[in-house]
Amino acid sequence: MPLAHRLYDSALVLAPSGRLDHDNCEAFREELAPFLERSAKERLAIVLDLAGLEYVSSAGLRCFMLAAKQAKAQNSRIVIAAMQPVVSEIFQIARFNLVFDAFPKVRDALAALSPAAAAAFDRG
């Protein structure tokens, strides 16, 4: 699964797209791993921009949970932004809203993490 990425000051925005399910969960984890390592080394927060994610299965939720645990163990942070309604509903049913801070827009997530990251986002 391709994972678009962009750095805004001290926050790394990662944007998966399509579906996250049993068929591509391992590919997503492999794609995400170097970003988790980078966030730990460079003390970056991660924003998962889920605007392009159309669906997430229980296997996909497991991928998110493992990423959150790894980030926490590394003293890093992952937040969620811009979920599609169906993905938001799945997160709420699975009570992942208790695991991740979620924001309606990427800019909102960046502003909560760092004023400098939000300013970098505003500059483009």
PDB file of N, CA and C in Angstrom:
ATOM      1  N   MET A   1       0.851  -1.181   0.000  1.00  0.00           N
ATOM      2  CA  MET A   1       0.000   0.000   0.000  1.00  0.00           C
ATOM      3  C   MET A   1       0.891   1.235   0.000  1.00  0.00           C
ATOM      4  N   PRO A   2       0.775   2.079  -1.012  1.00  0.00           N
ATOM      5  CA  PRO A   2       1.579   3.307  -1.029  1.00  0.00           C
ATOM      6  C   PRO A   2       1.163   4.237   0.109  1.00  0.00           C
ATOM      7  N   LEU A   3       2.147   4.893   0.678  1.00  0.00           N
ATOM      8  CA  LEU A   3       1.910   5.765   1.826  1.00  0.00           C
ATOM      9  C   LEU A   3       2.533   7.124   1.524  1.00  0.00           C
ATOM     10  N   ALA A   4       1.702   8.061   1.070  1.00  0.00           N
ATOM     11  CA  ALA A   4       2.200   9.408   0.798  1.00  0.00           C
ATOM     12  C   ALA A   4       2.634  10.036   2.114  1.00  0.00           C
ATOM     13  N   HIS A   5       3.664  10.869   2.055  1.00  0.00           N
ATOM     14  CA  HIS A   5       4.166  11.479   3.289  1.00  0.00           C
ATOM     15  C   HIS A   5       4.668  12.895   3.027  1.00  0.00           C
ATOM     16  N   ARG A   6       4.579  13.695   4.098  1.00  0.00           N
ATOM     17  CA  ARG A   6       5.057  15.076   4.028  1.00  0.00           C
ATOM     18  C   ARG A   6       5.412  15.529   5.442  1.00  0.00           C
ATOM     19  N   LEU A   7       6.523  16.230   5.558  1.00  0.00           N
ATOM     20  CA  LEU A   7       6.984  16.725   6.851  1.00  0.00           C
ATOM     21  C   LEU A   7       6.576  18.183   7.025  1.00  0.00           C
ATOM     22  N   TYR A   8       5.967  18.480   8.158  1.00  0.00           N
ATOM     23  CA  TYR A   8       5.625  19.851   8.541  1.00  0.00           C
ATOM     24  C   TYR A   8       6.277  20.110   9.892  1.00  0.00           C
ATOM     25  N   ASP A   9       7.434  20.736   9.874  1.00  0.00           N
ATOM     26  CA  ASP A   9       8.186  21.042  11.078  1.00  0.00           C
ATOM     27  C   ASP A   9       8.424  19.764  11.886  1.00  0.00           C
ATOM     28  N   SER A  10       7.776  19.609  13.029  1.00  0.00           N
ATOM     29  CA  SER A  10       8.012  18.444  13.893  1.00  0.00           C
ATOM     30  C   SER A  10       6.918  17.383  13.765  1.00  0.00           C
ATOM     31  N   ALA A  11       6.160  17.433  12.681  1.00  0.00           N
ATOM     32  CA  ALA A  11       5.084  16.462  12.469  1.00  0.00           C
ATOM     33  C   ALA A  11       5.180  15.866  11.069  1.00  0.00           C
ATOM     34  N   LEU A  12       5.040  14.578  11.018  1.00  0.00           N
ATOM     35  CA  LEU A  12       5.091  13.836   9.769  1.00  0.00           C
ATOM     36  C   LEU A  12       3.674  13.395   9.427  1.00  0.00           C
ATOM     37  N   VAL A  13       3.169  13.848   8.283  1.00  0.00           N
ATOM     38  CA  VAL A  13       1.823  13.478   7.851  1.00  0.00           C
ATOM     39  C   VAL A  13       1.942  12.315   6.870  1.00  0.00           C
ATOM     40  N   LEU A  14       1.267  11.225   7.202  1.00  0.00           N
ATOM     41  CA  LEU A  14       1.262  10.025   6.370  1.00  0.00           C
ATOM     42  C   LEU A  14      -0.157   9.783   5.886  1.00  0.00           C
ATOM     43  N   ALA A  15      -0.305   9.489   4.594  1.00  0.00           N
ATOM     44  CA  ALA A  15      -1.641   9.380   4.014  1.00  0.00           C
ATOM     45  C   ALA A  15      -1.828   8.066   3.254  1.00  0.00           C
ATOM     46  N   PRO A  16      -2.370   7.052   3.937  1.00  0.00           N
ATOM     47  CA  PRO A  16      -2.721   5.830   3.213  1.00  0.00           C
ATOM     48  C   PRO A  16      -3.960   6.075   2.358  1.00  0.00           C
ATOM     49  N   SER A  17      -4.156   5.236   1.356  1.00  0.00           N
ATOM     50  CA  SER A  17      -5.347   5.398   0.519  1.00  0.00           C
ATOM     51  C   SER A  17      -5.900   4.032   0.134  1.00  0.00           C
ATOM     52  N   GLY A  18      -7.157   4.035  -0.260  1.00  0.00           N
ATOM     53  CA  GLY A  18      -7.814   2.793  -0.663  1.00  0.00           C
ATOM     54  C   GLY A  18      -8.418   2.077   0.523  1.00  0.00           C
ATOM     55  N   ARG A  19      -8.168   0.776   0.584  1.00  0.00           N
ATOM     56  CA  ARG A  19      -8.717  -0.074   1.640  1.00  0.00           C
ATOM     57  C   ARG A  19      -7.576  -0.642   2.464  1.00  0.00           C
ATOM     58  N   LEU A  20      -7.793  -0.748   3.756  1.00  0.00           N
ATOM     59  CA  LEU A  20      -6.814  -1.386   4.631  1.00  0.00           C
ATOM     60  C   LEU A  20      -7.488  -2.616   5.232  1.00  0.00           C
ATOM     61  N   ASP A  21      -7.078  -3.782   4.726  1.00  0.00           N
ATOM     62  CA  ASP A  21      -7.696  -5.029   5.156  1.00  0.00           C
ATOM     63  C   ASP A  21      -6.654  -6.143   5.208  1.00  0.00           C
ATOM     64  N   HIS A  22      -7.123  -7.357   5.347  1.00  0.00           N
ATOM     65  CA  HIS A  22      -6.227  -8.510   5.489  1.00  0.00           C
ATOM     66  C   HIS A  22      -5.259  -8.628   4.307  1.00  0.00           C
ATOM     67  N   ASP A  23      -5.716  -8.280   3.117  1.00  0.00           N
ATOM     68  CA  ASP A  23      -4.898  -8.434   1.911  1.00  0.00           C
ATOM     69  C   ASP A  23      -3.687  -7.510   1.874  1.00  0.00           C
ATOM     70  N   ASN A  24      -3.779  -6.340   2.478  1.00  0.00           N
ATOM     71  CA  ASN A  24      -2.664  -5.388   2.363  1.00  0.00           C
ATOM     72  C   ASN A  24      -2.151  -4.861   3.704  1.00  0.00           C
ATOM     73  N   CYS A  25      -2.619  -5.432   4.788  1.00  0.00           N
ATOM     74  CA  CYS A  25      -2.205  -4.954   6.108  1.00  0.00           C
ATOM     75  C   CYS A  25      -0.698  -5.091   6.308  1.00  0.00           C
ATOM     76  N   GLU A  26      -0.142  -6.220   5.921  1.00  0.00           N
ATOM     77  CA  GLU A  26       1.296  -6.422   6.111  1.00  0.00           C
ATOM     78  C   GLU A  26       2.100  -5.424   5.275  1.00  0.00           C
ATOM     79  N   ALA A  27       1.654  -5.154   4.061  1.00  0.00           N
ATOM     80  CA  ALA A  27       2.331  -4.162   3.215  1.00  0.00           C
ATOM     81  C   ALA A  27       2.262  -2.781   3.861  1.00  0.00           C
ATOM     82  N   PHE A  28       1.126  -2.455   4.459  1.00  0.00           N
ATOM     83  CA  PHE A  28       0.985  -1.180   5.158  1.00  0.00           C
ATOM     84  C   PHE A  28       1.962  -1.099   6.329  1.00  0.00           C
ATOM     85  N   ARG A  29       2.048  -2.167   7.111  1.00  0.00           N
ATOM     86  CA  ARG A  29       2.972  -2.186   8.258  1.00  0.00           C
ATOM     87  C   ARG A  29       4.419  -2.015   7.799  1.00  0.00           C
ATOM     88  N   GLU A  30       4.782  -2.677   6.705  1.00  0.00           N
ATOM     89  CA  GLU A  30       6.143  -2.556   6.180  1.00  0.00           C
ATOM     90  C   GLU A  30       6.424  -1.136   5.694  1.00  0.00           C
ATOM     91  N   GLU A  31       5.436  -0.523   5.083  1.00  0.00           N
ATOM     92  CA  GLU A  31       5.580   0.854   4.598  1.00  0.00           C
ATOM     93  C   GLU A  31       5.658   1.834   5.774  1.00  0.00           C
ATOM     94  N   LEU A  32       4.920   1.562   6.831  1.00  0.00           N
ATOM     95  CA  LEU A  32       4.861   2.442   7.994  1.00  0.00           C
ATOM     96  C   LEU A  32       6.104   2.342   8.877  1.00  0.00           C
ATOM     97  N   ALA A  33       6.722   1.178   8.931  1.00  0.00           N
ATOM     98  CA  ALA A  33       7.841   0.914   9.854  1.00  0.00           C
ATOM     99  C   ALA A  33       8.962   1.954   9.803  1.00  0.00           C
ATOM    100  N   PRO A  34       9.478   2.314   8.613  1.00  0.00           N
ATOM    101  CA  PRO A  34      10.567   3.301   8.614  1.00  0.00           C
ATOM    102  C   PRO A  34      10.134   4.676   9.129  1.00  0.00           C
ATOM    103  N   PHE A  35       8.862   5.014   8.950  1.00  0.00           N
ATOM    104  CA  PHE A  35       8.373   6.296   9.460  1.00  0.00           C
ATOM    105  C   PHE A  35       8.278   6.271  10.985  1.00  0.00           C
ATOM    106  N   LEU A  36       7.895   5.132  11.550  1.00  0.00           N
ATOM    107  CA  LEU A  36       7.875   5.006  13.009  1.00  0.00           C
ATOM    108  C   LEU A  36       9.287   5.123  13.574  1.00  0.00           C
ATOM    109  N   GLU A  37      10.243   4.498  12.902  1.00  0.00           N
ATOM    110  CA  GLU A  37      11.639   4.609  13.339  1.00  0.00           C
ATOM    111  C   GLU A  37      12.123   6.055  13.239  1.00  0.00           C
ATOM    112  N   ARG A  38      11.797   6.696  12.127  1.00  0.00           N
ATOM    113  CA  ARG A  38      12.202   8.095  11.939  1.00  0.00           C
ATOM    114  C   ARG A  38      11.573   8.992  13.001  1.00  0.00           C
ATOM    115  N   SER A  39      10.306   8.755  13.310  1.00  0.00           N
ATOM    116  CA  SER A  39       9.640   9.605  14.308  1.00  0.00           C
ATOM    117  C   SER A  39      10.312   9.471  15.666  1.00  0.00           C
ATOM    118  N   ALA A  40      10.776   8.276  15.998  1.00  0.00           N
ATOM    119  CA  ALA A  40      11.469   8.074  17.275  1.00  0.00           C
ATOM    120  C   ALA A  40      12.827   8.765  17.275  1.00  0.00           C
ATOM    121  N   LYS A  41      13.579   8.623  16.197  1.00  0.00           N
ATOM    122  CA  LYS A  41      14.923   9.206  16.119  1.00  0.00           C
ATOM    123  C   LYS A  41      14.892  10.728  16.094  1.00  0.00           C
ATOM    124  N   GLU A  42      13.949  11.280  15.324  1.00  0.00           N
ATOM    125  CA  GLU A  42      13.902  12.730  15.126  1.00  0.00           C
ATOM    126  C   GLU A  42      12.872  13.414  16.021  1.00  0.00           C
ATOM    127  N   ARG A  43      12.231  12.646  16.906  1.00  0.00           N
ATOM    128  CA  ARG A  43      11.214  13.171  17.817  1.00  0.00           C
ATOM    129  C   ARG A  43      10.089  13.881  17.057  1.00  0.00           C
ATOM    130  N   LEU A  44       9.550  13.178  16.083  1.00  0.00           N
ATOM    131  CA  LEU A  44       8.456  13.690  15.268  1.00  0.00           C
ATOM    132  C   LEU A  44       7.142  13.045  15.700  1.00  0.00           C
ATOM    133  N   ALA A  45       6.089  13.816  15.700  1.00  0.00           N
ATOM    134  CA  ALA A  45       4.752  13.247  15.861  1.00  0.00           C
ATOM    135  C   ALA A  45       4.284  12.778  14.488  1.00  0.00           C
ATOM    136  N   ILE A  46       3.372  11.825  14.473  1.00  0.00           N
ATOM    137  CA  ILE A  46       2.817  11.328  13.214  1.00  0.00           C
ATOM    138  C   ILE A  46       1.334  11.647  13.167  1.00  0.00           C
ATOM    139  N   VAL A  47       0.915  12.208  12.037  1.00  0.00           N
ATOM    140  CA  VAL A  47      -0.500  12.412  11.751  1.00  0.00           C
ATOM    141  C   VAL A  47      -0.864  11.443  10.633  1.00  0.00           C
ATOM    142  N   LEU A  48      -1.809  10.557  10.896  1.00  0.00           N
ATOM    143  CA  LEU A  48      -2.320   9.686   9.845  1.00  0.00           C
ATOM    144  C   LEU A  48      -3.506  10.389   9.202  1.00  0.00           C
ATOM    145  N   ASP A  49      -3.307  10.859   7.985  1.00  0.00           N
ATOM    146  CA  ASP A  49      -4.350  11.533   7.214  1.00  0.00           C
ATOM    147  C   ASP A  49      -5.163  10.448   6.511  1.00  0.00           C
ATOM    148  N   LEU A  50      -6.349  10.179   7.019  1.00  0.00           N
ATOM    149  CA  LEU A  50      -7.155   9.077   6.504  1.00  0.00           C
ATOM    150  C   LEU A  50      -8.212   9.519   5.497  1.00  0.00           C
ATOM    151  N   ALA A  51      -8.061  10.705   4.928  1.00  0.00           N
ATOM    152  CA  ALA A  51      -9.037  11.197   3.954  1.00  0.00           C
ATOM    153  C   ALA A  51      -9.169  10.259   2.759  1.00  0.00           C
ATOM    154  N   GLY A  52      -8.083   9.613   2.363  1.00  0.00           N
ATOM    155  CA  GLY A  52      -8.114   8.721   1.208  1.00  0.00           C
ATOM    156  C   GLY A  52      -8.388   7.270   1.549  1.00  0.00           C
ATOM    157  N   LEU A  53      -8.589   6.974   2.823  1.00  0.00           N
ATOM    158  CA  LEU A  53      -8.854   5.595   3.242  1.00  0.00           C
ATOM    159  C   LEU A  53     -10.358   5.344   3.180  1.00  0.00           C
ATOM    160  N   GLU A  54     -10.758   4.437   2.294  1.00  0.00           N
ATOM    161  CA  GLU A  54     -12.178   4.181   2.059  1.00  0.00           C
ATOM    162  C   GLU A  54     -12.776   3.174   3.032  1.00  0.00           C
ATOM    163  N   TYR A  55     -11.945   2.272   3.538  1.00  0.00           N
ATOM    164  CA  TYR A  55     -12.447   1.193   4.393  1.00  0.00           C
ATOM    165  C   TYR A  55     -11.300   0.654   5.229  1.00  0.00           C
ATOM    166  N   VAL A  56     -11.600   0.234   6.446  1.00  0.00           N
ATOM    167  CA  VAL A  56     -10.617  -0.442   7.291  1.00  0.00           C
ATOM    168  C   VAL A  56     -11.303  -1.639   7.955  1.00  0.00           C
ATOM    169  N   SER A  57     -10.674  -2.805   7.837  1.00  0.00           N
ATOM    170  CA  SER A  57     -11.207  -4.030   8.440  1.00  0.00           C
ATOM    171  C   SER A  57     -10.612  -4.218   9.827  1.00  0.00           C
ATOM    172  N   SER A  58     -10.988  -5.312  10.479  1.00  0.00           N
ATOM    173  CA  SER A  58     -10.409  -5.606  11.791  1.00  0.00           C
ATOM    174  C   SER A  58      -8.900  -5.817  11.680  1.00  0.00           C
ATOM    175  N   ALA A  59      -8.444  -6.393  10.578  1.00  0.00           N
ATOM    176  CA  ALA A  59      -6.997  -6.554  10.370  1.00  0.00           C
ATOM    177  C   ALA A  59      -6.328  -5.186  10.250  1.00  0.00           C
ATOM    178  N   GLY A  60      -6.984  -4.260   9.580  1.00  0.00           N
ATOM    179  CA  GLY A  60      -6.455  -2.906   9.469  1.00  0.00           C
ATOM    180  C   GLY A  60      -6.418  -2.200  10.809  1.00  0.00           C
ATOM    181  N   LEU A  61      -7.459  -2.401  11.614  1.00  0.00           N
ATOM    182  CA  LEU A  61      -7.472  -1.820  12.957  1.00  0.00           C
ATOM    183  C   LEU A  61      -6.313  -2.364  13.786  1.00  0.00           C
ATOM    184  N   ARG A  62      -6.025  -3.640  13.615  1.00  0.00           N
ATOM    185  CA  ARG A  62      -4.893  -4.245  14.323  1.00  0.00           C
ATOM    186  C   ARG A  62      -3.589  -3.558  13.925  1.00  0.00           C
ATOM    187  N   CYS A  63      -3.441  -3.255  12.636  1.00  0.00           N
ATOM    188  CA  CYS A  63      -2.244  -2.533  12.173  1.00  0.00           C
ATOM    189  C   CYS A  63      -2.121  -1.182  12.873  1.00  0.00           C
ATOM    190  N   PHE A  64      -3.226  -0.473  12.973  1.00  0.00           N
ATOM    191  CA  PHE A  64      -3.206   0.822  13.660  1.00  0.00           C
ATOM    192  C   PHE A  64      -2.845   0.651  15.135  1.00  0.00           C
ATOM    193  N   MET A  65      -3.406  -0.374  15.773  1.00  0.00           N
ATOM    194  CA  MET A  65      -3.136  -0.612  17.191  1.00  0.00           C
ATOM    195  C   MET A  65      -1.657  -0.929  17.417  1.00  0.00           C
ATOM    196  N   LEU A  66      -1.090  -1.769  16.571  1.00  0.00           N
ATOM    197  CA  LEU A  66       0.332  -2.104  16.701  1.00  0.00           C
ATOM    198  C   LEU A  66       1.207  -0.871  16.501  1.00  0.00           C
ATOM    199  N   ALA A  67       0.844  -0.025  15.557  1.00  0.00           N
ATOM    200  CA  ALA A  67       1.597   1.209  15.322  1.00  0.00           C
ATOM    201  C   ALA A  67       1.513   2.127  16.537  1.00  0.00           C
ATOM    202  N   ALA A  68       0.324   2.234  17.128  1.00  0.00           N
ATOM    203  CA  ALA A  68       0.157   3.080  18.314  1.00  0.00           C
ATOM    204  C   ALA A  68       0.996   2.563  19.474  1.00  0.00           C
ATOM    205  N   LYS A  69       1.022   1.244  19.662  1.00  0.00           N
ATOM    206  CA  LYS A  69       1.826   0.660  20.740  1.00  0.00           C
ATOM    207  C   LYS A  69       3.311   0.914  20.513  1.00  0.00           C
ATOM    208  N   GLN A  70       3.750   0.753  19.264  1.00  0.00           N
ATOM    209  CA  GLN A  70       5.162   0.993  18.960  1.00  0.00           C
ATOM    210  C   GLN A  70       5.518   2.456  19.189  1.00  0.00           C
ATOM    211  N   ALA A  71       4.668   3.352  18.734  1.00  0.00           N
ATOM    212  CA  ALA A  71       4.932   4.782  18.922  1.00  0.00           C
ATOM    213  C   ALA A  71       5.006   5.122  20.409  1.00  0.00           C
ATOM    214  N   LYS A  72       4.088   4.592  21.179  1.00  0.00           N
ATOM    215  CA  LYS A  72       4.082   4.867  22.620  1.00  0.00           C
ATOM    216  C   LYS A  72       5.353   4.342  23.277  1.00  0.00           C
ATOM    217  N   ALA A  73       5.783   3.151  22.888  1.00  0.00           N
ATOM    218  CA  ALA A  73       7.008   2.567  23.446  1.00  0.00           C
ATOM    219  C   ALA A  73       8.239   3.397  23.099  1.00  0.00           C
ATOM    220  N   GLN A  74       8.161   4.135  21.993  1.00  0.00           N
ATOM    221  CA  GLN A  74       9.282   4.966  21.542  1.00  0.00           C
ATOM    222  C   GLN A  74       9.125   6.425  21.980  1.00  0.00           C
ATOM    223  N   ASN A  75       8.148   6.686  22.856  1.00  0.00           N
ATOM    224  CA  ASN A  75       7.852   8.058  23.292  1.00  0.00           C
ATOM    225  C   ASN A  75       7.496   8.960  22.124  1.00  0.00           C
ATOM    226  N   SER A  76       6.804   8.404  21.159  1.00  0.00           N
ATOM    227  CA  SER A  76       6.320   9.159  20.016  1.00  0.00           C
ATOM    228  C   SER A  76       4.797   9.215  20.113  1.00  0.00           C
ATOM    229  N   ARG A  77       4.175   9.869  19.160  1.00  0.00           N
ATOM    230  CA  ARG A  77       2.726  10.038  19.211  1.00  0.00           C
ATOM    231  C   ARG A  77       2.143   9.922  17.814  1.00  0.00           C
ATOM    232  N   ILE A  78       1.013   9.237  17.711  1.00  0.00           N
ATOM    233  CA  ILE A  78       0.264   9.143  16.458  1.00  0.00           C
ATOM    234  C   ILE A  78      -1.135   9.689  16.708  1.00  0.00           C
ATOM    235  N   VAL A  79      -1.581  10.569  15.823  1.00  0.00           N
ATOM    236  CA  VAL A  79      -2.959  11.051  15.859  1.00  0.00           C
ATOM    237  C   VAL A  79      -3.583  10.789  14.489  1.00  0.00           C
ATOM    238  N   ILE A  80      -4.888  10.835  14.451  1.00  0.00           N
ATOM    239  CA  ILE A  80      -5.661  10.547  13.242  1.00  0.00           C
ATOM    240  C   ILE A  80      -6.347  11.829  12.786  1.00  0.00           C
ATOM    241  N   ALA A  81      -6.450  11.995  11.461  1.00  0.00           N
ATOM    242  CA  ALA A  81      -7.142  13.171  10.933  1.00  0.00           C
ATOM    243  C   ALA A  81      -7.934  12.808   9.679  1.00  0.00           C
ATOM    244  N   ALA A  82      -8.991  13.558   9.453  1.00  0.00           N
ATOM    245  CA  ALA A  82      -9.742  13.571   8.196  1.00  0.00           C
ATOM    246  C   ALA A  82     -10.321  12.211   7.803  1.00  0.00           C
ATOM    247  N   MET A  83     -10.919  11.517   8.761  1.00  0.00           N
ATOM    248  CA  MET A  83     -11.511  10.208   8.448  1.00  0.00           C
ATOM    249  C   MET A  83     -12.763  10.350   7.592  1.00  0.00           C
ATOM    250  N   GLN A  84     -12.911   9.440   6.632  1.00  0.00           N
ATOM    251  CA  GLN A  84     -14.159   9.308   5.884  1.00  0.00           C
ATOM    252  C   GLN A  84     -15.243   8.856   6.869  1.00  0.00           C
ATOM    253  N   PRO A  85     -16.509   9.155   6.620  1.00  0.00           N
ATOM    254  CA  PRO A  85     -17.566   8.763   7.562  1.00  0.00           C
ATOM    255  C   PRO A  85     -17.588   7.266   7.882  1.00  0.00           C
ATOM    256  N   VAL A  86     -17.409   6.408   6.886  1.00  0.00           N
ATOM    257  CA  VAL A  86     -17.458   4.967   7.153  1.00  0.00           C
ATOM    258  C   VAL A  86     -16.285   4.537   8.031  1.00  0.00           C
ATOM    259  N   VAL A  87     -15.113   5.104   7.815  1.00  0.00           N
ATOM    260  CA  VAL A  87     -13.942   4.777   8.631  1.00  0.00           C
ATOM    261  C   VAL A  87     -14.134   5.313  10.049  1.00  0.00           C
ATOM    262  N   SER A  88     -14.678   6.504  10.164  1.00  0.00           N
ATOM    263  CA  SER A  88     -14.955   7.083  11.481  1.00  0.00           C
ATOM    264  C   SER A  88     -15.930   6.202  12.263  1.00  0.00           C
ATOM    265  N   GLU A  89     -16.945   5.701  11.585  1.00  0.00           N
ATOM    266  CA  GLU A  89     -17.921   4.831  12.249  1.00  0.00           C
ATOM    267  C   GLU A  89     -17.258   3.537  12.727  1.00  0.00           C
ATOM    268  N   ILE A  90     -16.393   2.966  11.905  1.00  0.00           N
ATOM    269  CA  ILE A  90     -15.679   1.745  12.291  1.00  0.00           C
ATOM    270  C   ILE A  90     -14.797   2.022  13.510  1.00  0.00           C
ATOM    271  N   PHE A  91     -14.103   3.158  13.509  1.00  0.00           N
ATOM    272  CA  PHE A  91     -13.257   3.525  14.656  1.00  0.00           C
ATOM    273  C   PHE A  91     -14.091   3.657  15.923  1.00  0.00           C
ATOM    274  N   GLN A  92     -15.267   4.267  15.812  1.00  0.00           N
ATOM    275  CA  GLN A  92     -16.116   4.451  16.985  1.00  0.00           C
ATOM    276  C   GLN A  92     -16.672   3.128  17.494  1.00  0.00           C
ATOM    277  N   ILE A  93     -17.114   2.269  16.582  1.00  0.00           N
ATOM    278  CA  ILE A  93     -17.646   0.965  16.987  1.00  0.00           C
ATOM    279  C   ILE A  93     -16.571   0.151  17.699  1.00  0.00           C
ATOM    280  N   ALA A  94     -15.339   0.209  17.174  1.00  0.00           N
ATOM    281  CA  ALA A  94     -14.221  -0.538  17.766  1.00  0.00           C
ATOM    282  C   ALA A  94     -13.617   0.194  18.965  1.00  0.00           C
ATOM    283  N   ARG A  95     -14.144   1.376  19.252  1.00  0.00           N
ATOM    284  CA  ARG A  95     -13.689   2.208  20.377  1.00  0.00           C
ATOM    285  C   ARG A  95     -12.238   2.662  20.217  1.00  0.00           C
ATOM    286  N   PHE A  96     -11.821   2.792  18.972  1.00  0.00           N
ATOM    287  CA  PHE A  96     -10.477   3.292  18.711  1.00  0.00           C
ATOM    288  C   PHE A  96     -10.380   4.787  18.970  1.00  0.00           C
ATOM    289  N   ASN A  97     -11.521   5.436  19.135  1.00  0.00           N
ATOM    290  CA  ASN A  97     -11.505   6.845  19.528  1.00  0.00           C
ATOM    291  C   ASN A  97     -10.931   7.004  20.932  1.00  0.00           C
ATOM    292  N   LEU A  98     -10.818   5.890  21.681  1.00  0.00           N
ATOM    293  CA  LEU A  98     -10.178   5.927  22.995  1.00  0.00           C
ATOM    294  C   LEU A  98      -8.675   5.679  22.896  1.00  0.00           C
ATOM    295  N   VAL A  99      -8.232   5.178  21.760  1.00  0.00           N
ATOM    296  CA  VAL A  99      -6.818   4.871  21.540  1.00  0.00           C
ATOM    297  C   VAL A  99      -6.101   6.036  20.866  1.00  0.00           C
ATOM    298  N   PHE A 100      -6.771   6.650  19.908  1.00  0.00           N
ATOM    299  CA  PHE A 100      -6.179   7.726  19.117  1.00  0.00           C
ATOM    300  C   PHE A 100      -6.940   9.028  19.324  1.00  0.00           C
ATOM    301  N   ASP A 101      -6.208  10.125  19.381  1.00  0.00           N
ATOM    302  CA  ASP A 101      -6.847  11.429  19.263  1.00  0.00           C
ATOM    303  C   ASP A 101      -7.177  11.607  17.792  1.00  0.00           C
ATOM    304  N   ALA A 102      -8.399  12.035  17.509  1.00  0.00           N
ATOM    305  CA  ALA A 102      -8.843  12.203  16.125  1.00  0.00           C
ATOM    306  C   ALA A 102      -9.276  13.646  15.897  1.00  0.00           C
ATOM    307  N   PHE A 103      -8.976  14.142  14.711  1.00  0.00           N
ATOM    308  CA  PHE A 103      -9.269  15.524  14.349  1.00  0.00           C
ATOM    309  C   PHE A 103      -9.982  15.549  13.003  1.00  0.00           C
ATOM    310  N   PRO A 104     -10.888  16.511  12.800  1.00  0.00           N
ATOM    311  CA  PRO A 104     -11.634  16.552  11.544  1.00  0.00           C
ATOM    312  C   PRO A 104     -10.766  16.878  10.325  1.00  0.00           C
ATOM    313  N   LYS A 105      -9.693  17.643  10.543  1.00  0.00           N
ATOM    314  CA  LYS A 105      -8.824  18.044   9.429  1.00  0.00           C
ATOM    315  C   LYS A 105      -7.364  17.871   9.828  1.00  0.00           C
ATOM    316  N   VAL A 106      -6.517  17.706   8.820  1.00  0.00           N
ATOM    317  CA  VAL A 106      -5.078  17.569   9.070  1.00  0.00           C
ATOM    318  C   VAL A 106      -4.550  18.804   9.781  1.00  0.00           C
ATOM    319  N   ARG A 107      -4.982  19.974   9.354  1.00  0.00           N
ATOM    320  CA  ARG A 107      -4.480  21.199   9.977  1.00  0.00           C
ATOM    321  C   ARG A 107      -4.835  21.245  11.463  1.00  0.00           C
ATOM    322  N   ASP A 108      -6.026  20.781  11.807  1.00  0.00           N
ATOM    323  CA  ASP A 108      -6.432  20.741  13.216  1.00  0.00           C
ATOM    324  C   ASP A 108      -5.504  19.838  14.023  1.00  0.00           C
ATOM    325  N   ALA A 109      -5.158  18.704  13.448  1.00  0.00           N
ATOM    326  CA  ALA A 109      -4.238  17.783  14.130  1.00  0.00           C
ATOM    327  C   ALA A 109      -2.871  18.425  14.308  1.00  0.00           C
ATOM    328  N   LEU A 110      -2.381  19.064  13.257  1.00  0.00           N
ATOM    329  CA  LEU A 110      -1.073  19.721  13.336  1.00  0.00           C
ATOM    330  C   LEU A 110      -1.082  20.831  14.383  1.00  0.00           C
ATOM    331  N   ALA A 111      -2.157  21.605  14.427  1.00  0.00           N
ATOM    332  CA  ALA A 111      -2.251  22.697  15.401  1.00  0.00           C
ATOM    333  C   ALA A 111      -2.241  22.155  16.829  1.00  0.00           C
ATOM    334  N   ALA A 112      -2.867  21.004  17.042  1.00  0.00           N
ATOM    335  CA  ALA A 112      -2.874  20.408  18.380  1.00  0.00           C
ATOM    336  C   ALA A 112      -1.498  19.886  18.774  1.00  0.00           C
ATOM    337  N   LEU A 113      -0.713  19.487  17.792  1.00  0.00           N
ATOM    338  CA  LEU A 113       0.616  18.939  18.064  1.00  0.00           C
ATOM    339  C   LEU A 113       1.673  20.016  18.216  1.00  0.00           C
ATOM    340  N   SER A 114       1.603  21.038  17.342  1.00  0.00           N
ATOM    341  CA  SER A 114       2.667  22.040  17.319  1.00  0.00           C
ATOM    342  C   SER A 114       2.240  23.251  16.503  1.00  0.00           C
ATOM    343  N   PRO A 115       2.290  24.450  17.087  1.00  0.00           N
ATOM    344  CA  PRO A 115       1.992  25.650  16.305  1.00  0.00           C
ATOM    345  C   PRO A 115       2.916  25.788  15.094  1.00  0.00           C
ATOM    346  N   ALA A 116       4.168  25.384  15.240  1.00  0.00           N
ATOM    347  CA  ALA A 116       5.114  25.479  14.121  1.00  0.00           C
ATOM    348  C   ALA A 116       4.715  24.544  12.984  1.00  0.00           C
ATOM    349  N   ALA A 117       4.199  23.362  13.311  1.00  0.00           N
ATOM    350  CA  ALA A 117       3.749  22.425  12.278  1.00  0.00           C
ATOM    351  C   ALA A 117       2.537  22.990  11.543  1.00  0.00           C
ATOM    352  N   ALA A 118       1.607  23.589  12.282  1.00  0.00           N
ATOM    353  CA  ALA A 118       0.437  24.203  11.651  1.00  0.00           C
ATOM    354  C   ALA A 118       0.856  25.360  10.754  1.00  0.00           C
ATOM    355  N   ALA A 119       1.814  26.158  11.206  1.00  0.00           N
ATOM    356  CA  ALA A 119       2.305  27.275  10.389  1.00  0.00           C
ATOM    357  C   ALA A 119       2.976  26.762   9.118  1.00  0.00           C
ATOM    358  N   ALA A 120       3.741  25.685   9.230  1.00  0.00           N
ATOM    359  CA  ALA A 120       4.385  25.095   8.049  1.00  0.00           C
ATOM    360  C   ALA A 120       3.332  24.579   7.073  1.00  0.00           C
ATOM    361  N   PHE A 121       2.259  23.992   7.595  1.00  0.00           N
ATOM    362  CA  PHE A 121       1.163  23.513   6.754  1.00  0.00           C
ATOM    363  C   PHE A 121       0.517  24.688   6.016  1.00  0.00           C
ATOM    364  N   ASP A 122       0.301  25.790   6.729  1.00  0.00           N
ATOM    365  CA  ASP A 122      -0.320  26.969   6.127  1.00  0.00           C
ATOM    366  C   ASP A 122       0.534  27.557   5.006  1.00  0.00           C
ATOM    367  N   ARG A 123       1.842  27.450   5.154  1.00  0.00           N
ATOM    368  CA  ARG A 123       2.745  27.958   4.113  1.00  0.00           C
ATOM    369  C   ARG A 123       2.779  27.044   2.894  1.00  0.00           C
ATOM    370  N   GLY A 124       2.281  25.832   3.070  1.00  0.00           N
ATOM    371  CA  GLY A 124       2.256  24.881   1.952  1.00  0.00           C
ATOM    372  C   GLY A 124       3.462  24.080   1.933  1.00  0.00           C
TER     373      GLY A 124
END
